[in-house]
PDB file of N, CA and C in Angstrom:
ATOM      1  N   UNK A   1      17.546 -23.501   2.537  1.00  0.00           N
ATOM      2  CA  UNK A   1      16.669 -24.576   3.735  1.00  0.00           C
ATOM      3  C   UNK A   1      15.943 -25.130   3.489  1.00  0.00           C
ATOM      4  N   UNK A   2      15.627 -26.501   4.170  1.00  0.00           N
ATOM      5  CA  UNK A   2      15.125 -27.707   3.549  1.00  0.00           C
ATOM      6  C   UNK A   2      13.730 -27.862   4.216  1.00  0.00           C
ATOM      7  N   UNK A   3      13.155 -26.677   5.484  1.00  0.00           N
ATOM      8  CA  UNK A   3      12.089 -26.633   5.941  1.00  0.00           C
ATOM      9  C   UNK A   3      11.122 -25.366   5.396  1.00  0.00           C
ATOM     10  N   UNK A   4      12.037 -25.085   4.049  1.00  0.00           N
ATOM     11  CA  UNK A   4      10.990 -23.614   3.291  1.00  0.00           C
ATOM     12  C   UNK A   4      10.043 -23.891   3.710  1.00  0.00           C
ATOM     13  N   UNK A   5       8.954 -22.953   3.446  1.00  0.00           N
ATOM     14  CA  UNK A   5       7.180 -23.670   2.896  1.00  0.00           C
ATOM     15  C   UNK A   5       7.435 -22.591   1.329  1.00  0.00           C
ATOM     16  N   UNK A   6       7.288 -23.165   0.456  1.00  0.00           N
ATOM     17  CA  UNK A   6       7.059 -22.995  -0.771  1.00  0.00           C
ATOM     18  C   UNK A   6       5.876 -23.599  -1.201  1.00  0.00           C
ATOM     19  N   UNK A   7       4.880 -21.865  -2.102  1.00  0.00           N
ATOM     20  CA  UNK A   7       4.160 -22.055  -2.690  1.00  0.00           C
ATOM     21  C   UNK A   7       3.942 -22.260  -3.875  1.00  0.00           C
ATOM     22  N   UNK A   8       3.244 -22.882  -4.343  1.00  0.00           N
ATOM     23  CA  UNK A   8       3.787 -23.179  -6.434  1.00  0.00           C
ATOM     24  C   UNK A   8       3.061 -22.694  -7.154  1.00  0.00           C
ATOM     25  N   UNK A   9       3.211 -21.503  -8.204  1.00  0.00           N
ATOM     26  CA  UNK A   9       1.763 -20.736  -7.698  1.00  0.00           C
ATOM     27  C   UNK A   9       1.270 -21.528  -8.623  1.00  0.00           C
ATOM     28  N   UNK A  10       1.436 -21.940  -9.707  1.00  0.00           N
ATOM     29  CA  UNK A  10       0.675 -23.138 -10.847  1.00  0.00           C
ATOM     30  C   UNK A  10      -0.072 -24.351 -10.305  1.00  0.00           C
ATOM     31  N   UNK A  11       0.142 -24.986  -9.306  1.00  0.00           N
ATOM     32  CA  UNK A  11      -0.575 -25.962  -8.228  1.00  0.00           C
ATOM     33  C   UNK A  11      -1.533 -25.282  -7.926  1.00  0.00           C
ATOM     34  N   UNK A  12      -1.184 -24.203  -7.155  1.00  0.00           N
ATOM     35  CA  UNK A  12      -2.379 -23.671  -6.804  1.00  0.00           C
ATOM     36  C   UNK A  12      -3.228 -23.021  -7.234  1.00  0.00           C
ATOM     37  N   UNK A  13      -2.895 -22.266  -8.617  1.00  0.00           N
ATOM     38  CA  UNK A  13      -4.206 -22.089  -9.425  1.00  0.00           C
ATOM     39  C   UNK A  13      -4.712 -22.825 -11.034  1.00  0.00           C
ATOM     40  N   UNK A  14      -3.999 -23.981 -10.561  1.00  0.00           N
ATOM     41  CA  UNK A  14      -3.959 -25.427 -11.287  1.00  0.00           C
ATOM     42  C   UNK A  14      -4.062 -24.681 -13.167  1.00  0.00           C
ATOM     43  N   UNK A  15      -2.839 -24.396 -13.660  1.00  0.00           N
ATOM     44  CA  UNK A  15      -2.577 -23.422 -14.431  1.00  0.00           C
ATOM     45  C   UNK A  15      -1.487 -22.751 -14.785  1.00  0.00           C
ATOM     46  N   UNK A  16      -1.165 -22.806 -15.681  1.00  0.00           N
ATOM     47  CA  UNK A  16       0.054 -21.763 -16.088  1.00  0.00           C
ATOM     48  C   UNK A  16       0.150 -20.206 -16.266  1.00  0.00           C
ATOM     49  N   UNK A  17      -1.417 -19.552 -16.353  1.00  0.00           N
ATOM     50  CA  UNK A  17      -1.721 -18.525 -16.872  1.00  0.00           C
ATOM     51  C   UNK A  17      -2.212 -17.784 -15.574  1.00  0.00           C
ATOM     52  N   UNK A  18      -2.219 -17.021 -14.559  1.00  0.00           N
ATOM     53  CA  UNK A  18      -2.191 -16.368 -14.059  1.00  0.00           C
ATOM     54  C   UNK A  18      -2.608 -14.942 -14.385  1.00  0.00           C
ATOM     55  N   UNK A  19      -3.750 -14.697 -15.415  1.00  0.00           N
ATOM     56  CA  UNK A  19      -4.693 -14.041 -15.051  1.00  0.00           C
ATOM     57  C   UNK A  19      -5.979 -13.262 -14.501  1.00  0.00           C
ATOM     58  N   UNK A  20      -6.231 -14.477 -13.806  1.00  0.00           N
ATOM     59  CA  UNK A  20      -7.567 -13.514 -13.185  1.00  0.00           C
ATOM     60  C   UNK A  20      -7.312 -13.109 -11.749  1.00  0.00           C
ATOM     61  N   UNK A  21      -8.276 -11.982 -11.129  1.00  0.00           N
ATOM     62  CA  UNK A  21      -8.383 -12.007  -9.854  1.00  0.00           C
ATOM     63  C   UNK A  21      -8.495 -13.063  -9.219  1.00  0.00           C
ATOM     64  N   UNK A  22      -9.681 -13.908  -9.610  1.00  0.00           N
ATOM     65  CA  UNK A  22     -10.157 -14.968  -8.786  1.00  0.00           C
ATOM     66  C   UNK A  22      -9.372 -15.641  -7.933  1.00  0.00           C
ATOM     67  N   UNK A  23      -8.305 -15.893  -9.503  1.00  0.00           N
ATOM     68  CA  UNK A  23      -6.724 -16.950  -9.073  1.00  0.00           C
ATOM     69  C   UNK A  23      -6.402 -16.447  -7.883  1.00  0.00           C
ATOM     70  N   UNK A  24      -5.597 -14.848  -8.391  1.00  0.00           N
ATOM     71  CA  UNK A  24      -5.243 -14.327  -7.447  1.00  0.00           C
ATOM     72  C   UNK A  24      -5.744 -14.777  -6.112  1.00  0.00           C
ATOM     73  N   UNK A  25      -7.119 -14.691  -5.825  1.00  0.00           N
ATOM     74  CA  UNK A  25      -7.580 -14.710  -4.091  1.00  0.00           C
ATOM     75  C   UNK A  25      -7.245 -15.727  -3.666  1.00  0.00           C
ATOM     76  N   UNK A  26      -7.212 -16.679  -4.639  1.00  0.00           N
ATOM     77  CA  UNK A  26      -7.418 -18.099  -4.072  1.00  0.00           C
ATOM     78  C   UNK A  26      -5.683 -18.145  -3.547  1.00  0.00           C
ATOM     79  N   UNK A  27      -4.213 -17.270  -4.359  1.00  0.00           N
ATOM     80  CA  UNK A  27      -2.971 -17.434  -3.997  1.00  0.00           C
ATOM     81  C   UNK A  27      -3.210 -16.245  -2.773  1.00  0.00           C
ATOM     82  N   UNK A  28      -3.562 -15.249  -2.759  1.00  0.00           N
ATOM     83  CA  UNK A  28      -3.327 -14.263  -1.361  1.00  0.00           C
ATOM     84  C   UNK A  28      -3.826 -15.488  -0.889  1.00  0.00           C
ATOM     85  N   UNK A  29      -5.391 -16.200  -0.741  1.00  0.00           N
ATOM     86  CA  UNK A  29      -5.315 -17.212   0.877  1.00  0.00           C
ATOM     87  C   UNK A  29      -4.211 -17.728   0.699  1.00  0.00           C
ATOM     88  N   UNK A  30      -4.121 -18.224   0.268  1.00  0.00           N
ATOM     89  CA  UNK A  30      -3.036 -18.900   0.516  1.00  0.00           C
ATOM     90  C   UNK A  30      -1.738 -18.665   1.536  1.00  0.00           C
ATOM     91  N   UNK A  31      -1.564 -17.487   0.779  1.00  0.00           N
ATOM     92  CA  UNK A  31      -0.122 -16.506   1.448  1.00  0.00           C
ATOM     93  C   UNK A  31      -0.422 -16.068   2.696  1.00  0.00           C
ATOM     94  N   UNK A  32      -1.494 -15.524   3.114  1.00  0.00           N
ATOM     95  CA  UNK A  32      -1.632 -14.121   4.047  1.00  0.00           C
ATOM     96  C   UNK A  32      -1.326 -15.246   5.257  1.00  0.00           C
ATOM     97  N   UNK A  33      -2.309 -16.087   6.115  1.00  0.00           N
ATOM     98  CA  UNK A  33      -2.447 -17.132   6.947  1.00  0.00           C
ATOM     99  C   UNK A  33      -0.769 -17.385   7.326  1.00  0.00           C
ATOM    100  N   UNK A  34       0.131 -17.761   6.198  1.00  0.00           N
ATOM    101  CA  UNK A  34       1.498 -17.899   7.028  1.00  0.00           C
ATOM    102  C   UNK A  34       2.106 -16.214   7.075  1.00  0.00           C
ATOM    103  N   UNK A  35       1.749 -15.474   7.006  1.00  0.00           N
ATOM    104  CA  UNK A  35       1.999 -13.652   7.162  1.00  0.00           C
ATOM    105  C   UNK A  35       1.535 -13.501   8.210  1.00  0.00           C
ATOM    106  N   UNK A  36       0.579 -13.826   8.466  1.00  0.00           N
ATOM    107  CA  UNK A  36      -0.240 -13.822  10.031  1.00  0.00           C
ATOM    108  C   UNK A  36       0.379 -14.065  11.047  1.00  0.00           C
ATOM    109  N   UNK A  37       0.808 -15.644  10.847  1.00  0.00           N
ATOM    110  CA  UNK A  37       1.599 -16.219  11.465  1.00  0.00           C
ATOM    111  C   UNK A  37       2.966 -16.246  12.197  1.00  0.00           C
ATOM    112  N   UNK A  38       3.472 -15.528  11.201  1.00  0.00           N
ATOM    113  CA  UNK A  38       4.623 -15.168  11.399  1.00  0.00           C
ATOM    114  C   UNK A  38       5.710 -16.083  10.544  1.00  0.00           C
ATOM    115  N   UNK A  39       5.794 -16.809   9.963  1.00  0.00           N
ATOM    116  CA  UNK A  39       5.930 -17.672   9.194  1.00  0.00           C
ATOM    117  C   UNK A  39       6.494 -17.377   7.592  1.00  0.00           C
ATOM    118  N   UNK A  40       7.851 -17.515   7.760  1.00  0.00           N
ATOM    119  CA  UNK A  40       8.393 -17.291   6.038  1.00  0.00           C
ATOM    120  C   UNK A  40       7.284 -17.934   4.989  1.00  0.00           C
ATOM    121  N   UNK A  41       7.498 -17.118   4.077  1.00  0.00           N
ATOM    122  CA  UNK A  41       6.988 -18.348   2.975  1.00  0.00           C
ATOM    123  C   UNK A  41       7.333 -18.036   1.550  1.00  0.00           C
ATOM    124  N   UNK A  42       7.701 -18.744   0.751  1.00  0.00           N
ATOM    125  CA  UNK A  42       8.069 -18.846  -0.369  1.00  0.00           C
ATOM    126  C   UNK A  42       7.237 -18.965  -1.990  1.00  0.00           C
ATOM    127  N   UNK A  43       6.884 -17.866  -2.815  1.00  0.00           N
ATOM    128  CA  UNK A  43       5.714 -18.596  -3.844  1.00  0.00           C
ATOM    129  C   UNK A  43       7.072 -18.360  -5.068  1.00  0.00           C
ATOM    130  N   UNK A  44       6.414 -19.546  -5.843  1.00  0.00           N
ATOM    131  CA  UNK A  44       7.622 -20.043  -6.710  1.00  0.00           C
ATOM    132  C   UNK A  44       6.234 -19.901  -8.216  1.00  0.00           C
ATOM    133  N   UNK A  45       6.929 -19.319  -9.253  1.00  0.00           N
ATOM    134  CA  UNK A  45       6.082 -18.685 -10.438  1.00  0.00           C
ATOM    135  C   UNK A  45       6.545 -20.206 -11.417  1.00  0.00           C
ATOM    136  N   UNK A  46       7.469 -21.133 -10.744  1.00  0.00           N
ATOM    137  CA  UNK A  46       7.884 -22.081 -11.732  1.00  0.00           C
ATOM    138  C   UNK A  46       6.322 -22.652 -13.108  1.00  0.00           C
ATOM    139  N   UNK A  47       7.083 -22.436 -13.845  1.00  0.00           N
ATOM    140  CA  UNK A  47       5.782 -22.759 -15.065  1.00  0.00           C
ATOM    141  C   UNK A  47       4.918 -22.113 -15.040  1.00  0.00           C
ATOM    142  N   UNK A  48       5.094 -20.803 -14.798  1.00  0.00           N
ATOM    143  CA  UNK A  48       4.015 -19.733 -15.222  1.00  0.00           C
ATOM    144  C   UNK A  48       4.537 -19.254 -16.386  1.00  0.00           C
ATOM    145  N   UNK A  49       3.249 -19.581 -17.655  1.00  0.00           N
ATOM    146  CA  UNK A  49       4.097 -19.016 -18.991  1.00  0.00           C
ATOM    147  C   UNK A  49       3.021 -17.719 -19.312  1.00  0.00           C
ATOM    148  N   UNK A  50       1.877 -16.870 -18.243  1.00  0.00           N
ATOM    149  CA  UNK A  50       1.596 -15.965 -18.727  1.00  0.00           C
ATOM    150  C   UNK A  50       0.967 -15.307 -17.273  1.00  0.00           C
ATOM    151  N   UNK A  51       1.352 -13.874 -17.077  1.00  0.00           N
ATOM    152  CA  UNK A  51       1.158 -13.047 -15.745  1.00  0.00           C
ATOM    153  C   UNK A  51       0.988 -11.840 -15.960  1.00  0.00           C
ATOM    154  N   UNK A  52      -0.058 -11.013 -15.497  1.00  0.00           N
ATOM    155  CA  UNK A  52      -0.543  -9.833 -15.606  1.00  0.00           C
ATOM    156  C   UNK A  52      -0.522  -9.248 -14.223  1.00  0.00           C
ATOM    157  N   UNK A  53      -0.845  -8.153 -14.477  1.00  0.00           N
ATOM    158  CA  UNK A  53      -1.166  -7.089 -12.944  1.00  0.00           C
ATOM    159  C   UNK A  53      -2.307  -7.483 -12.039  1.00  0.00           C
ATOM    160  N   UNK A  54      -3.124  -7.258 -13.295  1.00  0.00           N
ATOM    161  CA  UNK A  54      -4.812  -8.157 -11.789  1.00  0.00           C
ATOM    162  C   UNK A  54      -4.485  -9.501 -11.013  1.00  0.00           C
ATOM    163  N   UNK A  55      -3.801 -10.118 -11.438  1.00  0.00           N
ATOM    164  CA  UNK A  55      -3.603 -11.418 -10.435  1.00  0.00           C
ATOM    165  C   UNK A  55      -2.756 -10.968  -9.511  1.00  0.00           C
ATOM    166  N   UNK A  56      -1.325 -10.184  -9.988  1.00  0.00           N
ATOM    167  CA  UNK A  56      -1.430 -10.120  -8.980  1.00  0.00           C
ATOM    168  C   UNK A  56      -1.306  -8.641  -7.665  1.00  0.00           C
ATOM    169  N   UNK A  57      -2.232  -8.175  -8.597  1.00  0.00           N
ATOM    170  CA  UNK A  57      -2.747  -6.888  -7.612  1.00  0.00           C
ATOM    171  C   UNK A  57      -3.478  -7.827  -6.549  1.00  0.00           C
ATOM    172  N   UNK A  58      -4.642  -9.218  -7.111  1.00  0.00           N
ATOM    173  CA  UNK A  58      -4.653  -9.317  -6.371  1.00  0.00           C
ATOM    174  C   UNK A  58      -3.939 -10.074  -5.017  1.00  0.00           C
ATOM    175  N   UNK A  59      -3.058 -10.779  -5.677  1.00  0.00           N
ATOM    176  CA  UNK A  59      -2.645 -11.898  -5.575  1.00  0.00           C
ATOM    177  C   UNK A  59      -1.736 -11.577  -3.911  1.00  0.00           C
ATOM    178  N   UNK A  60      -0.860 -10.590  -3.878  1.00  0.00           N
ATOM    179  CA  UNK A  60       0.599  -9.373  -3.104  1.00  0.00           C
ATOM    180  C   UNK A  60      -0.129  -8.594  -2.936  1.00  0.00           C
ATOM    181  N   UNK A  61      -1.028  -7.343  -3.843  1.00  0.00           N
ATOM    182  CA  UNK A  61      -0.821  -5.954  -3.720  1.00  0.00           C
ATOM    183  C   UNK A  61      -2.070  -5.943  -2.286  1.00  0.00           C
ATOM    184  N   UNK A  62      -2.810  -6.824  -2.086  1.00  0.00           N
ATOM    185  CA  UNK A  62      -3.859  -6.192  -1.196  1.00  0.00           C
ATOM    186  C   UNK A  62      -3.366  -6.653   0.097  1.00  0.00           C
ATOM    187  N   UNK A  63      -1.814  -7.479   0.219  1.00  0.00           N
ATOM    188  CA  UNK A  63      -1.502  -7.839   1.148  1.00  0.00           C
ATOM    189  C   UNK A  63      -0.412  -6.417   2.146  1.00  0.00           C
ATOM    190  N   UNK A  64      -0.481  -5.247   1.106  1.00  0.00           N
ATOM    191  CA  UNK A  64      -0.198  -4.039   1.592  1.00  0.00           C
ATOM    192  C   UNK A  64      -1.260  -3.504   2.861  1.00  0.00           C
ATOM    193  N   UNK A  65      -2.444  -3.732   2.423  1.00  0.00           N
ATOM    194  CA  UNK A  65      -3.943  -3.265   2.720  1.00  0.00           C
ATOM    195  C   UNK A  65      -3.797  -4.080   4.326  1.00  0.00           C
ATOM    196  N   UNK A  66      -3.182  -5.560   4.105  1.00  0.00           N
ATOM    197  CA  UNK A  66      -3.557  -5.811   5.480  1.00  0.00           C
ATOM    198  C   UNK A  66      -2.227  -6.286   6.816  1.00  0.00           C
ATOM    199  N   UNK A  67      -1.233  -5.626   5.924  1.00  0.00           N
ATOM    200  CA  UNK A  67       0.241  -5.999   6.970  1.00  0.00           C
ATOM    201  C   UNK A  67       1.251  -4.859   7.025  1.00  0.00           C
ATOM    202  N   UNK A  68       2.340  -4.249   8.070  1.00  0.00           N
ATOM    203  CA  UNK A  68       3.164  -3.642   6.879  1.00  0.00           C
ATOM    204  C   UNK A  68       4.361  -3.927   6.207  1.00  0.00           C
ATOM    205  N   UNK A  69       4.503  -3.303   5.588  1.00  0.00           N
ATOM    206  CA  UNK A  69       5.290  -3.589   4.313  1.00  0.00           C
ATOM    207  C   UNK A  69       6.466  -3.916   4.858  1.00  0.00           C
ATOM    208  N   UNK A  70       7.360  -3.934   5.886  1.00  0.00           N
ATOM    209  CA  UNK A  70       8.627  -4.284   6.630  1.00  0.00           C
ATOM    210  C   UNK A  70       8.445  -5.894   7.233  1.00  0.00           C
ATOM    211  N   UNK A  71       6.656  -6.497   7.672  1.00  0.00           N
ATOM    212  CA  UNK A  71       6.474  -7.836   7.591  1.00  0.00           C
ATOM    213  C   UNK A  71       6.431  -8.851   6.449  1.00  0.00           C
ATOM    214  N   UNK A  72       6.197  -8.073   5.624  1.00  0.00           N
ATOM    215  CA  UNK A  72       5.671  -8.627   4.093  1.00  0.00           C
ATOM    216  C   UNK A  72       6.885  -8.850   3.369  1.00  0.00           C
ATOM    217  N   UNK A  73       7.622  -7.770   3.777  1.00  0.00           N
ATOM    218  CA  UNK A  73       9.309  -8.353   3.060  1.00  0.00           C
ATOM    219  C   UNK A  73      10.079  -9.194   3.531  1.00  0.00           C
ATOM    220  N   UNK A  74       9.783  -8.797   5.499  1.00  0.00           N
ATOM    221  CA  UNK A  74      10.631  -9.645   6.159  1.00  0.00           C
ATOM    222  C   UNK A  74      10.071 -11.333   5.700  1.00  0.00           C
ATOM    223  N   UNK A  75       8.907 -11.330   5.719  1.00  0.00           N
ATOM    224  CA  UNK A  75       8.231 -13.110   5.479  1.00  0.00           C
ATOM    225  C   UNK A  75       8.094 -13.897   4.369  1.00  0.00           C
ATOM    226  N   UNK A  76       8.060 -12.912   2.819  1.00  0.00           N
ATOM    227  CA  UNK A  76       7.083 -13.234   1.524  1.00  0.00           C
ATOM    228  C   UNK A  76       8.409 -13.425   1.079  1.00  0.00           C
ATOM    229  N   UNK A  77       8.385 -14.536   0.149  1.00  0.00           N
ATOM    230  CA  UNK A  77      10.198 -14.322  -0.765  1.00  0.00           C
ATOM    231  C   UNK A  77       9.597 -15.063  -2.676  1.00  0.00           C
ATOM    232  N   UNK A  78       9.673 -14.600  -3.491  1.00  0.00           N
ATOM    233  CA  UNK A  78       9.072 -14.910  -4.791  1.00  0.00           C
ATOM    234  C   UNK A  78      10.201 -15.185  -5.514  1.00  0.00           C
ATOM    235  N   UNK A  79      10.294 -16.837  -6.144  1.00  0.00           N
ATOM    236  CA  UNK A  79      11.200 -17.009  -6.901  1.00  0.00           C
ATOM    237  C   UNK A  79      10.978 -17.080  -7.834  1.00  0.00           C
ATOM    238  N   UNK A  80      11.800 -17.956  -9.281  1.00  0.00           N
ATOM    239  CA  UNK A  80      11.228 -18.499 -10.511  1.00  0.00           C
ATOM    240  C   UNK A  80      10.763 -17.436 -10.979  1.00  0.00           C
ATOM    241  N   UNK A  81      10.960 -16.434 -11.138  1.00  0.00           N
ATOM    242  CA  UNK A  81       9.955 -14.827 -12.014  1.00  0.00           C
ATOM    243  C   UNK A  81      10.879 -14.687 -13.515  1.00  0.00           C
ATOM    244  N   UNK A  82      10.496 -14.533 -13.886  1.00  0.00           N
ATOM    245  CA  UNK A  82      10.921 -13.728 -15.216  1.00  0.00           C
ATOM    246  C   UNK A  82      11.241 -12.542 -15.194  1.00  0.00           C
ATOM    247  N   UNK A  83      12.420 -11.675 -15.877  1.00  0.00           N
ATOM    248  CA  UNK A  83      12.835 -10.448 -15.067  1.00  0.00           C
ATOM    249  C   UNK A  83      11.567  -9.517 -15.760  1.00  0.00           C
ATOM    250  N   UNK A  84      10.868 -10.015 -16.647  1.00  0.00           N
ATOM    251  CA  UNK A  84      10.426  -8.089 -17.000  1.00  0.00           C
ATOM    252  C   UNK A  84       8.732  -8.843 -15.803  1.00  0.00           C
ATOM    253  N   UNK A  85       8.717  -9.803 -15.604  1.00  0.00           N
ATOM    254  CA  UNK A  85       8.019 -10.878 -14.437  1.00  0.00           C
ATOM    255  C   UNK A  85       7.700  -9.578 -12.765  1.00  0.00           C
ATOM    256  N   UNK A  86       9.019  -9.686 -12.514  1.00  0.00           N
ATOM    257  CA  UNK A  86       9.690  -8.735 -11.148  1.00  0.00           C
ATOM    258  C   UNK A  86       9.357  -7.456 -11.441  1.00  0.00           C
ATOM    259  N   UNK A  87       9.388  -6.709 -12.155  1.00  0.00           N
ATOM    260  CA  UNK A  87       9.626  -5.486 -12.527  1.00  0.00           C
ATOM    261  C   UNK A  87       7.922  -5.530 -12.818  1.00  0.00           C
ATOM    262  N   UNK A  88       6.742  -6.210 -13.391  1.00  0.00           N
ATOM    263  CA  UNK A  88       5.465  -5.851 -12.971  1.00  0.00           C
ATOM    264  C   UNK A  88       4.850  -5.913 -11.801  1.00  0.00           C
ATOM    265  N   UNK A  89       5.560  -7.375 -11.005  1.00  0.00           N
ATOM    266  CA  UNK A  89       5.499  -7.012  -9.418  1.00  0.00           C
ATOM    267  C   UNK A  89       5.955  -6.106  -8.798  1.00  0.00           C
ATOM    268  N   UNK A  90       6.659  -5.375  -9.044  1.00  0.00           N
ATOM    269  CA  UNK A  90       7.517  -4.257  -9.037  1.00  0.00           C
ATOM    270  C   UNK A  90       6.194  -3.002  -8.796  1.00  0.00           C
ATOM    271  N   UNK A  91       6.303  -2.468  -9.686  1.00  0.00           N
ATOM    272  CA  UNK A  91       4.999  -1.925  -9.772  1.00  0.00           C
ATOM    273  C   UNK A  91       4.081  -1.883  -9.244  1.00  0.00           C
ATOM    274  N   UNK A  92       3.681  -3.281  -9.270  1.00  0.00           N
ATOM    275  CA  UNK A  92       2.716  -3.454  -8.303  1.00  0.00           C
ATOM    276  C   UNK A  92       2.569  -3.205  -6.605  1.00  0.00           C
ATOM    277  N   UNK A  93       3.509  -3.765  -6.397  1.00  0.00           N
ATOM    278  CA  UNK A  93       3.757  -3.500  -5.382  1.00  0.00           C
ATOM    279  C   UNK A  93       3.797  -1.646  -4.369  1.00  0.00           C
ATOM    280  N   UNK A  94       5.024  -1.128  -5.473  1.00  0.00           N
ATOM    281  CA  UNK A  94       4.837   0.160  -5.435  1.00  0.00           C
ATOM    282  C   UNK A  94       3.369   1.008  -5.430  1.00  0.00           C
ATOM    283  N   UNK A  95       2.624   0.251  -6.356  1.00  0.00           N
ATOM    284  CA  UNK A  95       1.042   0.897  -6.618  1.00  0.00           C
ATOM    285  C   UNK A  95       0.090   0.662  -5.100  1.00  0.00           C
ATOM    286  N   UNK A  96       0.308  -0.739  -4.827  1.00  0.00           N
ATOM    287  CA  UNK A  96      -0.253  -0.565  -3.732  1.00  0.00           C
ATOM    288  C   UNK A  96      -0.066  -0.109  -2.387  1.00  0.00           C
ATOM    289  N   UNK A  97       0.764   0.141  -2.315  1.00  0.00           N
ATOM    290  CA  UNK A  97       1.817   0.702  -1.460  1.00  0.00           C
ATOM    291  C   UNK A  97       1.053   2.316  -1.087  1.00  0.00           C
ATOM    292  N   UNK A  98       1.180   2.787  -2.109  1.00  0.00           N
ATOM    293  CA  UNK A  98       0.695   4.075  -2.546  1.00  0.00           C
ATOM    294  C   UNK A  98      -0.976   4.164  -2.136  1.00  0.00           C
ATOM    295  N   UNK A  99      -1.478   3.087  -2.680  1.00  0.00           N
ATOM    296  CA  UNK A  99      -2.639   3.124  -2.521  1.00  0.00           C
ATOM    297  C   UNK A  99      -3.565   3.448  -0.622  1.00  0.00           C
ATOM    298  N   UNK A 100      -2.748   2.119  -0.568  1.00  0.00           N
ATOM    299  CA  UNK A 100      -3.350   2.058   0.805  1.00  0.00           C
ATOM    300  C   UNK A 100      -2.881   2.707   1.957  1.00  0.00           C
ATOM    301  N   UNK A 101      -1.512   3.589   1.963  1.00  0.00           N
ATOM    302  CA  UNK A 101      -1.710   4.465   2.967  1.00  0.00           C
ATOM    303  C   UNK A 101      -2.433   5.891   2.475  1.00  0.00           C
ATOM    304  N   UNK A 102      -2.879   5.894   1.794  1.00  0.00           N
ATOM    305  CA  UNK A 102      -4.054   7.236   1.221  1.00  0.00           C
ATOM    306  C   UNK A 102      -5.033   6.406   0.818  1.00  0.00           C
ATOM    307  N   UNK A 103      -5.468   5.724   1.050  1.00  0.00           N
ATOM    308  CA  UNK A 103      -7.023   4.735   0.804  1.00  0.00           C
ATOM    309  C   UNK A 103      -8.046   5.685   0.321  1.00  0.00           C
ATOM    310  N   UNK A 104      -8.550   6.583   1.402  1.00  0.00           N
ATOM    311  CA  UNK A 104      -9.735   7.228   0.582  1.00  0.00           C
ATOM    312  C   UNK A 104      -9.892   8.535  -0.075  1.00  0.00           C
ATOM    313  N   UNK A 105      -8.355   8.738   0.068  1.00  0.00           N
ATOM    314  CA  UNK A 105      -7.966   9.957  -1.475  1.00  0.00           C
ATOM    315  C   UNK A 105      -8.729   9.167  -2.419  1.00  0.00           C
ATOM    316  N   UNK A 106      -6.904   8.595  -2.764  1.00  0.00           N
ATOM    317  CA  UNK A 106      -7.858   7.135  -4.188  1.00  0.00           C
ATOM    318  C   UNK A 106      -8.996   6.826  -4.286  1.00  0.00           C
ATOM    319  N   UNK A 107      -9.666   6.547  -2.994  1.00  0.00           N
ATOM    320  CA  UNK A 107     -11.014   6.166  -3.644  1.00  0.00           C
ATOM    321  C   UNK A 107     -12.374   7.225  -3.921  1.00  0.00           C
ATOM    322  N   UNK A 108     -12.268   8.489  -3.476  1.00  0.00           N
ATOM    323  CA  UNK A 108     -12.262   9.425  -3.401  1.00  0.00           C
ATOM    324  C   UNK A 108     -12.137   9.863  -5.002  1.00  0.00           C
ATOM    325  N   UNK A 109     -11.103   9.916  -5.261  1.00  0.00           N
ATOM    326  CA  UNK A 109     -10.583  10.319  -6.555  1.00  0.00           C
ATOM    327  C   UNK A 109     -11.386   9.365  -7.746  1.00  0.00           C
ATOM    328  N   UNK A 110     -11.658   7.839  -7.992  1.00  0.00           N
ATOM    329  CA  UNK A 110     -11.705   6.870  -8.969  1.00  0.00           C
ATOM    330  C   UNK A 110     -13.504   7.501  -8.126  1.00  0.00           C
ATOM    331  N   UNK A 111     -13.673   7.838  -7.528  1.00  0.00           N
ATOM    332  CA  UNK A 111     -15.465   7.789  -7.387  1.00  0.00           C
ATOM    333  C   UNK A 111     -16.131   9.318  -8.166  1.00  0.00           C
ATOM    334  N   UNK A 112     -15.049  10.478  -8.500  1.00  0.00           N
ATOM    335  CA  UNK A 112     -15.249  11.553  -9.364  1.00  0.00           C
ATOM    336  C   UNK A 112     -14.884  11.007  -9.761  1.00  0.00           C
ATOM    337  N   UNK A 113     -14.213  10.145 -10.781  1.00  0.00           N
ATOM    338  CA  UNK A 113     -14.006  10.246 -12.609  1.00  0.00           C
ATOM    339  C   UNK A 113     -14.986   9.656 -12.395  1.00  0.00           C
ATOM    340  N   UNK A 114     -14.793   8.239 -11.923  1.00  0.00           N
ATOM    341  CA  UNK A 114     -16.401   6.999 -12.607  1.00  0.00           C
ATOM    342  C   UNK A 114     -17.861   7.309 -12.355  1.00  0.00           C
ATOM    343  N   UNK A 115     -17.887   8.141 -11.493  1.00  0.00           N
ATOM    344  CA  UNK A 115     -19.447   9.002 -10.811  1.00  0.00           C
ATOM    345  C   UNK A 115     -19.613   7.635  -9.559  1.00  0.00           C
ATOM    346  N   UNK A 116     -20.181   7.988  -8.518  1.00  0.00           N
ATOM    347  CA  UNK A 116     -20.761   6.833  -7.107  1.00  0.00           C
ATOM    348  C   UNK A 116     -21.794   7.072  -7.592  1.00  0.00           C
ATOM    349  N   UNK A 117     -21.865   4.935  -7.891  1.00  0.00           N
ATOM    350  CA  UNK A 117     -22.989   4.455  -8.224  1.00  0.00           C
ATOM    351  C   UNK A 117     -23.467   3.685  -6.637  1.00  0.00           C
ATOM    352  N   UNK A 118     -22.536   4.219  -5.608  1.00  0.00           N
ATOM    353  CA  UNK A 118     -22.944   3.024  -4.782  1.00  0.00           C
ATOM    354  C   UNK A 118     -24.328   4.168  -3.983  1.00  0.00           C
TER     355      UNK A 118
END
């Protein structure tokens, strides 16, 4: 498809290292408007050398708190990812879905575990 919209992660974060939540947020902020507008978007991980879950949680995981799962699946595609990174992405997505399905219970459990400092 010649008119598909592709976002190259390395161009967005200006690095092959995808390790910070701040960079993940930048990627999220580039993706979310397309999903909100109902436009298909492809994100390419070409050139990414290091990828961690904190980045993916911020970039993609939080989308599950904003959009229904079927909308994300319909509009967001990922390509050029190593097999082990695809497994990591699946774990991030599965955890995000569980979290956002019952956010108050997860937040309560977290506060009980680490203490309520607010």
